Amino acid sequence: MARSKKKKESKTEDPNSRTVTRNRKARHEYEVLDEVDCGVQLYGSEVKSIRNSKISIEESFARVLDGEVWLVNSDIAEYPQASVFNHERRRKRKLLLHKREIRKFAEAGEQKGLTLVPLAVFLHRGFVKIKLGLCRGRQLHDKREKLKKQTDRREMEVALKRR
């Protein structure tokens, strides 16, 4: 009799731990100085939509209001099966950080004129987390310089592989 081979499960295949979406524009538009992972306060229908990858953080940002950090302008699509218990698409959502993280990270962004930008949304052990970045805006010439360095680096790697 032939034995059935079982697939080995790795930690990366866990459906409760995966990256849902990334803000790809943020790395181009901003220079990321610091990052922190934080939880987010959500309704049940919002969690279901995020699990289905129905979230957009391209235009969103974070603000410090009354000693709390809020995610503003993120779009989570309505969950069709929730019917009357659905959520507002673009409401403010509270980010869960410790007080010392808020003082160190978020207030630095307010004082120095930096911006708090969500870089990614991911699931960790079933919980929705957001990677928040403390960012400084890039000028057009900075963006061009970054792209030039990337192309030069790629060309050098290709040349080394050809040897």
Protein backbone atom coordinates (compact mmCIF):
# COMPACT_ATOMS: atom_id res chain seq x y z
CA MET A 1 0.00 0.00 0.00
CA ALA A 2 1.17 3.47 -0.78
CA ARG A 3 1.56 5.80 2.11
CA SER A 4 0.09 9.25 1.83
CA LYS A 5 2.63 11.96 2.28
CA LYS A 6 1.67 14.69 4.70
CA LYS A 7 2.78 18.21 4.01
CA LYS A 8 4.94 19.73 6.68
CA GLU A 9 3.29 22.80 8.08
CA SER A 10 5.52 25.78 8.60
CA LYS A 11 4.90 28.94 10.54
CA THR A 12 4.56 30.98 7.36
CA GLU A 13 1.53 28.96 6.19
CA ASP A 14 -0.51 29.86 9.27
CA PRO A 15 -3.64 31.72 8.05
CA ASN A 16 -3.74 33.62 11.36
CA SER A 17 -0.29 35.15 10.77
CA ARG A 18 0.15 36.85 7.41
CA THR A 19 0.57 40.26 5.80
CA VAL A 20 -2.77 41.53 4.51
CA THR A 21 -1.63 44.69 2.71
CA ARG A 22 1.37 47.00 2.39
CA ASN A 23 1.52 50.72 1.70
CA ARG A 24 3.95 50.55 -1.21
CA LYS A 25 3.76 54.29 -1.90
CA ALA A 26 4.93 55.14 1.61
CA ARG A 27 8.49 53.84 1.08
CA HIS A 28 8.75 55.98 -2.06
CA GLU A 29 7.06 59.13 -0.76
CA TYR A 30 8.62 59.12 2.73
CA GLU A 31 11.89 58.34 4.46
CA VAL A 32 11.04 55.94 7.31
CA LEU A 33 12.94 56.88 10.48
CA ASP A 34 11.35 54.47 12.98
CA GLU A 35 8.70 51.73 13.04
CA VAL A 36 6.39 50.23 15.65
CA ASP A 37 3.74 47.51 15.58
CA CYS A 38 0.44 48.40 17.22
CA GLY A 39 -2.98 46.89 17.64
CA VAL A 40 -6.14 48.50 16.37
CA GLN A 41 -9.61 48.70 17.88
CA LEU A 42 -12.08 47.21 15.37
CA TYR A 43 -15.64 45.92 15.05
CA GLY A 44 -16.26 42.30 14.09
CA SER A 45 -17.37 43.13 10.55
CA GLU A 46 -14.15 45.11 10.04
CA VAL A 47 -12.03 42.13 11.09
CA LYS A 48 -13.89 39.88 8.65
CA SER A 49 -13.28 42.36 5.81
CA ILE A 50 -9.59 42.65 6.68
CA ARG A 51 -9.25 38.85 6.65
CA ASN A 52 -10.65 39.00 3.09
CA SER A 53 -8.02 41.68 2.22
CA LYS A 54 -10.66 44.40 1.72
CA ILE A 55 -8.65 47.25 3.24
CA SER A 56 -6.83 50.23 1.76
CA ILE A 57 -4.25 52.27 3.69
CA GLU A 58 -2.83 54.23 0.74
CA GLU A 59 -4.29 57.59 1.81
CA SER A 60 -4.37 57.02 5.56
CA PHE A 61 -2.28 58.55 8.34
CA ALA A 62 -2.19 58.60 12.13
CA ARG A 63 -2.82 61.51 14.50
CA VAL A 64 -2.33 62.03 18.22
CA LEU A 65 -5.51 63.40 19.81
CA ASP A 66 -5.94 63.76 23.59
CA GLY A 67 -3.03 61.43 24.35
CA GLU A 68 -4.34 58.66 22.05
CA VAL A 69 -3.25 57.67 18.55
CA TRP A 70 -5.96 57.44 15.88
CA LEU A 71 -5.82 55.98 12.36
CA VAL A 72 -7.56 58.40 10.01
CA ASN A 73 -8.86 57.90 6.46
CA SER A 74 -8.29 54.15 6.14
CA ASP A 75 -10.90 52.40 4.02
CA ILE A 76 -12.24 49.02 5.17
CA ALA A 77 -14.94 47.69 2.84
CA GLU A 78 -18.29 46.69 4.28
CA TYR A 79 -18.75 42.99 5.02
CA PRO A 80 -21.79 41.84 2.99
CA GLN A 81 -22.98 39.19 5.48
CA ALA A 82 -23.07 41.69 8.39
CA SER A 83 -26.19 43.43 6.96
CA VAL A 84 -27.48 45.95 9.57
CA PHE A 85 -24.50 45.41 11.90
CA ASN A 86 -22.01 46.79 9.37
CA HIS A 87 -19.47 49.52 10.06
CA GLU A 88 -18.66 52.91 8.54
CA ARG A 89 -16.01 52.58 5.84
CA ARG A 90 -13.79 55.58 6.70
CA ARG A 91 -14.23 56.12 10.42
CA LYS A 92 -11.38 56.99 12.80
CA ARG A 93 -9.92 53.88 14.47
CA LYS A 94 -8.03 53.91 17.74
CA LEU A 95 -4.51 52.46 17.67
CA LEU A 96 -3.43 50.52 20.75
CA LEU A 97 -0.04 51.58 22.06
CA HIS A 98 1.49 51.74 25.53
CA LYS A 99 1.74 55.21 27.08
CA ARG A 100 5.53 55.19 26.84
CA GLU A 101 5.33 54.28 23.13
CA ILE A 102 2.91 57.13 22.54
CA ARG A 103 5.22 59.58 24.31
CA LYS A 104 8.37 58.37 22.55
CA PHE A 105 7.05 57.65 19.08
CA ALA A 106 3.88 59.57 18.31
CA GLU A 107 4.65 62.85 20.03
CA ALA A 108 8.04 63.00 18.31
CA GLY A 109 6.10 63.08 15.06
CA GLU A 110 3.99 66.00 16.22
CA GLN A 111 6.90 68.06 17.59
CA LYS A 112 9.44 67.65 14.79
CA GLY A 113 6.96 67.99 11.93
CA LEU A 114 7.19 64.32 11.00
CA THR A 115 4.28 62.18 9.85
CA LEU A 116 2.87 58.92 11.23
CA VAL A 117 2.15 56.67 8.24
CA PRO A 118 0.77 53.10 8.28
CA LEU A 119 3.22 50.91 6.37
CA ALA A 120 1.47 47.53 6.55
CA VAL A 121 -1.54 45.69 7.96
CA PHE A 122 -0.96 42.14 9.09
CA LEU A 123 -2.48 39.35 11.15
CA HIS A 124 -0.48 38.06 14.09
CA ARG A 125 -1.89 35.07 15.98
CA GLY A 126 -5.38 36.06 14.83
CA PHE A 127 -5.13 39.73 15.84
CA VAL A 128 -5.05 42.62 13.35
CA LYS A 129 -1.88 44.69 13.73
CA ILE A 130 -0.62 47.79 11.94
CA LYS A 131 3.03 48.65 11.33
CA LEU A 132 3.22 52.39 11.90
CA GLY A 133 6.19 54.40 10.64
CA LEU A 134 7.59 57.73 11.78
CA CYS A 135 8.35 59.33 8.42
CA ARG A 136 9.83 62.45 6.87
CA GLY A 137 8.55 63.52 3.44
CA ARG A 138 10.89 63.24 0.47
CA GLN A 139 11.42 65.97 -2.10
CA LEU A 140 11.32 65.16 -5.82
CA HIS A 141 15.13 65.24 -6.15
CA ASP A 142 15.43 62.83 -3.17
CA LYS A 143 13.07 60.38 -4.90
CA ARG A 144 15.10 60.55 -8.11
CA GLU A 145 18.33 60.01 -6.20
CA LYS A 146 16.86 56.96 -4.43
CA LEU A 147 15.70 55.43 -7.73
CA LYS A 148 19.12 56.05 -9.28
CA LYS A 149 20.88 54.29 -6.39
CA GLN A 150 18.50 51.32 -6.70
CA THR A 151 19.13 50.92 -10.43
CA ASP A 152 22.90 51.20 -9.91
CA ARG A 153 22.78 48.53 -7.20
CA ARG A 154 20.72 46.20 -9.42
CA GLU A 155 23.12 46.66 -12.34
CA MET A 156 26.11 45.82 -10.11
CA GLU A 157 24.35 42.65 -8.85
CA VAL A 158 23.58 41.54 -12.40
CA ALA A 159 27.19 42.19 -13.46
CA LEU A 160 28.51 40.13 -10.54
CA LYS A 161 26.18 37.23 -11.40
CA ARG A 162 27.42 37.17 -15.01
CA ARG A 163 30.99 36.48 -13.92
